């Protein structure tokens, strides 16, 4: 019974570590949530938008 209780506590501890995992923008260093980190290549939405604007200006000579 003691061993099972210990295993449950270890599982809970690993779940808490996932919740406490922090992600930061690779450009400005701002803390962002996991979804934003994964969806925008590790950047906050502002830096991602700036990068997209710069790329479109370079490719097309104008903002899309």
PDB file of N, CA and C in Angstrom:
ATOM      1  N   UNK A   1       0.830  -1.189   0.000  1.00  0.00           N
ATOM      2  CA  UNK A   1       0.000   0.000   0.000  1.00  0.00           C
ATOM      3  C   UNK A   1       0.877   1.256   0.000  1.00  0.00           C
ATOM      4  N   UNK A   2       1.957   1.234   0.751  1.00  0.00           N
ATOM      5  CA  UNK A   2       2.853   2.388   0.821  1.00  0.00           C
ATOM      6  C   UNK A   2       3.486   2.658  -0.548  1.00  0.00           C
ATOM      7  N   UNK A   3       3.885   1.600  -1.247  1.00  0.00           N
ATOM      8  CA  UNK A   3       4.533   1.746  -2.545  1.00  0.00           C
ATOM      9  C   UNK A   3       3.577   2.392  -3.554  1.00  0.00           C
ATOM     10  N   UNK A   4       2.323   1.971  -3.566  1.00  0.00           N
ATOM     11  CA  UNK A   4       1.347   2.545  -4.488  1.00  0.00           C
ATOM     12  C   UNK A   4       1.148   4.035  -4.206  1.00  0.00           C
ATOM     13  N   UNK A   5       1.055   4.394  -2.965  1.00  0.00           N
ATOM     14  CA  UNK A   5       0.884   5.793  -2.586  1.00  0.00           C
ATOM     15  C   UNK A   5       2.089   6.610  -3.046  1.00  0.00           C
ATOM     16  N   UNK A   6       3.258   6.049  -2.924  1.00  0.00           N
ATOM     17  CA  UNK A   6       4.483   6.741  -3.342  1.00  0.00           C
ATOM     18  C   UNK A   6       4.482   6.957  -4.859  1.00  0.00           C
ATOM     19  N   UNK A   7       4.072   5.946  -5.633  1.00  0.00           N
ATOM     20  CA  UNK A   7       4.006   6.071  -7.091  1.00  0.00           C
ATOM     21  C   UNK A   7       3.032   7.173  -7.495  1.00  0.00           C
ATOM     22  N   UNK A   8       1.896   7.254  -6.825  1.00  0.00           N
ATOM     23  CA  UNK A   8       0.914   8.288  -7.118  1.00  0.00           C
ATOM     24  C   UNK A   8       1.501   9.682  -6.884  1.00  0.00           C
ATOM     25  N   UNK A   9       2.256   9.825  -5.821  1.00  0.00           N
ATOM     26  CA  UNK A   9       2.872  11.122  -5.519  1.00  0.00           C
ATOM     27  C   UNK A   9       3.895  11.489  -6.584  1.00  0.00           C
ATOM     28  N   UNK A  10       4.644  10.494  -7.087  1.00  0.00           N
ATOM     29  CA  UNK A  10       5.630  10.764  -8.130  1.00  0.00           C
ATOM     30  C   UNK A  10       4.953  11.209  -9.418  1.00  0.00           C
ATOM     31  N   UNK A  11       3.818  10.615  -9.749  1.00  0.00           N
ATOM     32  CA  UNK A  11       3.069  11.010 -10.937  1.00  0.00           C
ATOM     33  C   UNK A  11       2.573  12.441 -10.773  1.00  0.00           C
ATOM     34  N   UNK A  12       2.048  12.761  -9.627  1.00  0.00           N
ATOM     35  CA  UNK A  12       1.569  14.111  -9.372  1.00  0.00           C
ATOM     36  C   UNK A  12       2.703  15.119  -9.473  1.00  0.00           C
ATOM     37  N   UNK A  13       3.869  14.761  -9.001  1.00  0.00           N
ATOM     38  CA  UNK A  13       5.015  15.662  -9.053  1.00  0.00           C
ATOM     39  C   UNK A  13       5.416  15.933 -10.501  1.00  0.00           C
ATOM     40  N   UNK A  14       5.387  14.914 -11.362  1.00  0.00           N
ATOM     41  CA  UNK A  14       5.761  15.127 -12.765  1.00  0.00           C
ATOM     42  C   UNK A  14       4.718  15.975 -13.487  1.00  0.00           C
ATOM     43  N   UNK A  15       3.442  15.837 -13.127  1.00  0.00           N
ATOM     44  CA  UNK A  15       2.397  16.674 -13.715  1.00  0.00           C
ATOM     45  C   UNK A  15       2.586  18.133 -13.312  1.00  0.00           C
ATOM     46  N   UNK A  16       2.991  18.371 -12.081  1.00  0.00           N
ATOM     47  CA  UNK A  16       3.232  19.733 -11.620  1.00  0.00           C
ATOM     48  C   UNK A  16       4.413  20.348 -12.351  1.00  0.00           C
ATOM     49  N   UNK A  17       5.440  19.546 -12.636  1.00  0.00           N
ATOM     50  CA  UNK A  17       6.606  20.041 -13.375  1.00  0.00           C
ATOM     51  C   UNK A  17       6.192  20.509 -14.764  1.00  0.00           C
ATOM     52  N   UNK A  18       5.268  19.775 -15.414  1.00  0.00           N
ATOM     53  CA  UNK A  18       4.794  20.171 -16.737  1.00  0.00           C
ATOM     54  C   UNK A  18       4.067  21.511 -16.670  1.00  0.00           C
ATOM     55  N   UNK A  19       3.267  21.706 -15.639  1.00  0.00           N
ATOM     56  CA  UNK A  19       2.528  22.951 -15.490  1.00  0.00           C
ATOM     57  C   UNK A  19       3.470  24.119 -15.236  1.00  0.00           C
ATOM     58  N   UNK A  20       4.563  23.871 -14.536  1.00  0.00           N
ATOM     59  CA  UNK A  20       5.502  24.923 -14.176  1.00  0.00           C
ATOM     60  C   UNK A  20       6.530  25.179 -15.272  1.00  0.00           C
ATOM     61  N   UNK A  21       6.539  24.341 -16.326  1.00  0.00           N
ATOM     62  CA  UNK A  21       7.482  24.525 -17.418  1.00  0.00           C
ATOM     63  C   UNK A  21       7.204  25.866 -18.099  1.00  0.00           C
ATOM     64  N   UNK A  22       8.225  26.681 -18.209  1.00  0.00           N
ATOM     65  CA  UNK A  22       8.055  28.013 -18.771  1.00  0.00           C
ATOM     66  C   UNK A  22       8.695  28.079 -20.145  1.00  0.00           C
ATOM     67  N   UNK A  23       8.071  28.849 -21.004  1.00  0.00           N
ATOM     68  CA  UNK A  23       8.580  29.045 -22.356  1.00  0.00           C
ATOM     69  C   UNK A  23       8.811  30.534 -22.563  1.00  0.00           C
ATOM     70  N   UNK A  24       9.871  30.855 -23.273  1.00  0.00           N
ATOM     71  CA  UNK A  24      10.221  32.245 -23.509  1.00  0.00           C
ATOM     72  C   UNK A  24      10.423  32.481 -24.993  1.00  0.00           C
ATOM     73  N   UNK A  25      10.058  33.668 -25.442  1.00  0.00           N
ATOM     74  CA  UNK A  25      10.242  34.070 -26.832  1.00  0.00           C
ATOM     75  C   UNK A  25      11.731  34.054 -27.162  1.00  0.00           C
ATOM     76  N   UNK A  26      12.067  33.461 -28.296  1.00  0.00           N
ATOM     77  CA  UNK A  26      13.469  33.366 -28.697  1.00  0.00           C
ATOM     78  C   UNK A  26      14.027  34.699 -29.183  1.00  0.00           C
ATOM     79  N   UNK A  27      13.166  35.682 -29.435  1.00  0.00           N
ATOM     80  CA  UNK A  27      13.623  36.983 -29.916  1.00  0.00           C
ATOM     81  C   UNK A  27      13.719  37.997 -28.775  1.00  0.00           C
ATOM     82  N   UNK A  28      12.603  38.196 -28.061  1.00  0.00           N
ATOM     83  CA  UNK A  28      12.590  39.246 -27.034  1.00  0.00           C
ATOM     84  C   UNK A  28      12.707  38.716 -25.607  1.00  0.00           C
ATOM     85  N   UNK A  29      12.537  37.416 -25.415  1.00  0.00           N
ATOM     86  CA  UNK A  29      12.684  36.821 -24.096  1.00  0.00           C
ATOM     87  C   UNK A  29      11.444  36.875 -23.218  1.00  0.00           C
ATOM     88  N   UNK A  30      10.336  37.353 -23.753  1.00  0.00           N
ATOM     89  CA  UNK A  30       9.090  37.432 -22.996  1.00  0.00           C
ATOM     90  C   UNK A  30       8.549  36.035 -22.706  1.00  0.00           C
ATOM     91  N   UNK A  31       7.973  35.846 -21.518  1.00  0.00           N
ATOM     92  CA  UNK A  31       7.393  34.554 -21.168  1.00  0.00           C
ATOM     93  C   UNK A  31       6.096  34.363 -21.941  1.00  0.00           C
ATOM     94  N   UNK A  32       5.961  33.200 -22.588  1.00  0.00           N
ATOM     95  CA  UNK A  32       4.773  32.885 -23.372  1.00  0.00           C
ATOM     96  C   UNK A  32       4.266  31.509 -22.970  1.00  0.00           C
ATOM     97  N   UNK A  33       3.011  31.220 -23.305  1.00  0.00           N
ATOM     98  CA  UNK A  33       2.460  29.912 -22.950  1.00  0.00           C
ATOM     99  C   UNK A  33       2.927  28.852 -23.950  1.00  0.00           C
ATOM    100  N   UNK A  34       2.714  27.595 -23.615  1.00  0.00           N
ATOM    101  CA  UNK A  34       3.210  26.478 -24.410  1.00  0.00           C
ATOM    102  C   UNK A  34       2.606  26.476 -25.811  1.00  0.00           C
ATOM    103  N   UNK A  35       1.316  26.769 -25.915  1.00  0.00           N
ATOM    104  CA  UNK A  35       0.644  26.762 -27.211  1.00  0.00           C
ATOM    105  C   UNK A  35       1.227  27.814 -28.147  1.00  0.00           C
ATOM    106  N   UNK A  36       1.445  29.013 -27.618  1.00  0.00           N
ATOM    107  CA  UNK A  36       2.019  30.090 -28.417  1.00  0.00           C
ATOM    108  C   UNK A  36       3.448  29.735 -28.833  1.00  0.00           C
ATOM    109  N   UNK A  37       4.201  29.133 -27.926  1.00  0.00           N
ATOM    110  CA  UNK A  37       5.580  28.731 -28.192  1.00  0.00           C
ATOM    111  C   UNK A  37       5.638  27.728 -29.350  1.00  0.00           C
ATOM    112  N   UNK A  38       4.748  26.752 -29.308  1.00  0.00           N
ATOM    113  CA  UNK A  38       4.742  25.706 -30.338  1.00  0.00           C
ATOM    114  C   UNK A  38       4.171  26.203 -31.660  1.00  0.00           C
ATOM    115  N   UNK A  39       3.186  27.080 -31.619  1.00  0.00           N
ATOM    116  CA  UNK A  39       2.519  27.544 -32.837  1.00  0.00           C
ATOM    117  C   UNK A  39       3.337  28.558 -33.625  1.00  0.00           C
ATOM    118  N   UNK A  40       4.179  29.320 -32.958  1.00  0.00           N
ATOM    119  CA  UNK A  40       4.886  30.399 -33.654  1.00  0.00           C
ATOM    120  C   UNK A  40       6.406  30.268 -33.573  1.00  0.00           C
ATOM    121  N   UNK A  41       6.883  29.048 -33.730  1.00  0.00           N
ATOM    122  CA  UNK A  41       8.327  28.784 -33.805  1.00  0.00           C
ATOM    123  C   UNK A  41       9.121  29.329 -32.631  1.00  0.00           C
ATOM    124  N   UNK A  42       8.557  29.274 -31.442  1.00  0.00           N
ATOM    125  CA  UNK A  42       9.278  29.702 -30.247  1.00  0.00           C
ATOM    126  C   UNK A  42       9.296  31.204 -30.032  1.00  0.00           C
ATOM    127  N   UNK A  43       8.416  31.926 -30.724  1.00  0.00           N
ATOM    128  CA  UNK A  43       8.360  33.379 -30.580  1.00  0.00           C
ATOM    129  C   UNK A  43       6.993  33.804 -30.054  1.00  0.00           C
ATOM    130  N   UNK A  44       6.948  34.972 -29.407  1.00  0.00           N
ATOM    131  CA  UNK A  44       5.659  35.535 -29.008  1.00  0.00           C
ATOM    132  C   UNK A  44       4.955  36.023 -30.278  1.00  0.00           C
ATOM    133  N   UNK A  45       3.666  36.279 -30.194  1.00  0.00           N
ATOM    134  CA  UNK A  45       2.916  36.651 -31.400  1.00  0.00           C
ATOM    135  C   UNK A  45       3.387  37.972 -31.991  1.00  0.00           C
ATOM    136  N   UNK A  46       3.881  38.875 -31.154  1.00  0.00           N
ATOM    137  CA  UNK A  46       4.358  40.157 -31.671  1.00  0.00           C
ATOM    138  C   UNK A  46       5.627  39.979 -32.504  1.00  0.00           C
ATOM    139  N   UNK A  47       6.587  39.220 -31.987  1.00  0.00           N
ATOM    140  CA  UNK A  47       7.831  38.987 -32.722  1.00  0.00           C
ATOM    141  C   UNK A  47       7.572  38.151 -33.964  1.00  0.00           C
ATOM    142  N   UNK A  48       6.667  37.196 -33.872  1.00  0.00           N
ATOM    143  CA  UNK A  48       6.320  36.375 -35.028  1.00  0.00           C
ATOM    144  C   UNK A  48       5.707  37.246 -36.117  1.00  0.00           C
ATOM    145  N   UNK A  49       4.824  38.157 -35.741  1.00  0.00           N
ATOM    146  CA  UNK A  49       4.206  39.064 -36.705  1.00  0.00           C
ATOM    147  C   UNK A  49       5.223  39.989 -37.352  1.00  0.00           C
ATOM    148  N   UNK A  50       6.157  40.498 -36.561  1.00  0.00           N
ATOM    149  CA  UNK A  50       7.216  41.354 -37.109  1.00  0.00           C
ATOM    150  C   UNK A  50       8.070  40.581 -38.113  1.00  0.00           C
ATOM    151  N   UNK A  51       8.370  39.354 -37.781  1.00  0.00           N
ATOM    152  CA  UNK A  51       9.187  38.527 -38.681  1.00  0.00           C
ATOM    153  C   UNK A  51       8.442  38.273 -39.983  1.00  0.00           C
ATOM    154  N   UNK A  52       7.150  37.981 -39.896  1.00  0.00           N
ATOM    155  CA  UNK A  52       6.341  37.732 -41.083  1.00  0.00           C
ATOM    156  C   UNK A  52       6.291  38.974 -41.964  1.00  0.00           C
ATOM    157  N   UNK A  53       6.144  40.142 -41.358  1.00  0.00           N
ATOM    158  CA  UNK A  53       6.105  41.399 -42.107  1.00  0.00           C
ATOM    159  C   UNK A  53       7.430  41.640 -42.817  1.00  0.00           C
ATOM    160  N   UNK A  54       8.534  41.417 -42.115  1.00  0.00           N
ATOM    161  CA  UNK A  54       9.853  41.615 -42.721  1.00  0.00           C
ATOM    162  C   UNK A  54      10.069  40.655 -43.886  1.00  0.00           C
ATOM    163  N   UNK A  55       9.631  39.405 -43.736  1.00  0.00           N
ATOM    164  CA  UNK A  55       9.801  38.430 -44.808  1.00  0.00           C
ATOM    165  C   UNK A  55       8.965  38.801 -46.021  1.00  0.00           C
ATOM    166  N   UNK A  56       7.734  39.270 -45.819  1.00  0.00           N
ATOM    167  CA  UNK A  56       6.891  39.617 -46.961  1.00  0.00           C
ATOM    168  C   UNK A  56       7.431  40.850 -47.681  1.00  0.00           C
ATOM    169  N   UNK A  57       8.004  41.806 -46.940  1.00  0.00           N
ATOM    170  CA  UNK A  57       8.608  42.976 -47.576  1.00  0.00           C
ATOM    171  C   UNK A  57       9.811  42.567 -48.413  1.00  0.00           C
ATOM    172  N   UNK A  58      10.592  41.621 -47.910  1.00  0.00           N
ATOM    173  CA  UNK A  58      11.779  41.157 -48.621  1.00  0.00           C
ATOM    174  C   UNK A  58      11.389  40.379 -49.879  1.00  0.00           C
ATOM    175  N   UNK A  59      10.374  39.540 -49.768  1.00  0.00           N
ATOM    176  CA  UNK A  59       9.985  38.695 -50.882  1.00  0.00           C
ATOM    177  C   UNK A  59       9.213  39.451 -51.965  1.00  0.00           C
ATOM    178  N   UNK A  60       8.318  40.335 -51.538  1.00  0.00           N
ATOM    179  CA  UNK A  60       7.411  40.964 -52.485  1.00  0.00           C
ATOM    180  C   UNK A  60       7.617  42.471 -52.645  1.00  0.00           C
ATOM    181  N   UNK A  61       8.485  43.049 -51.861  1.00  0.00           N
ATOM    182  CA  UNK A  61       8.721  44.482 -51.949  1.00  0.00           C
ATOM    183  C   UNK A  61       7.612  45.307 -51.338  1.00  0.00           C
ATOM    184  N   UNK A  62       6.637  44.664 -50.735  1.00  0.00           N
ATOM    185  CA  UNK A  62       5.512  45.370 -50.118  1.00  0.00           C
ATOM    186  C   UNK A  62       4.908  44.464 -49.055  1.00  0.00           C
ATOM    187  N   UNK A  63       4.223  45.063 -48.106  1.00  0.00           N
ATOM    188  CA  UNK A  63       3.530  44.279 -47.081  1.00  0.00           C
ATOM    189  C   UNK A  63       2.289  43.663 -47.692  1.00  0.00           C
ATOM    190  N   UNK A  64       2.087  42.411 -47.421  1.00  0.00           N
ATOM    191  CA  UNK A  64       0.925  41.708 -47.998  1.00  0.00           C
ATOM    192  C   UNK A  64      -0.357  42.207 -47.416  1.00  0.00           C
TER     193      UNK A  64
END
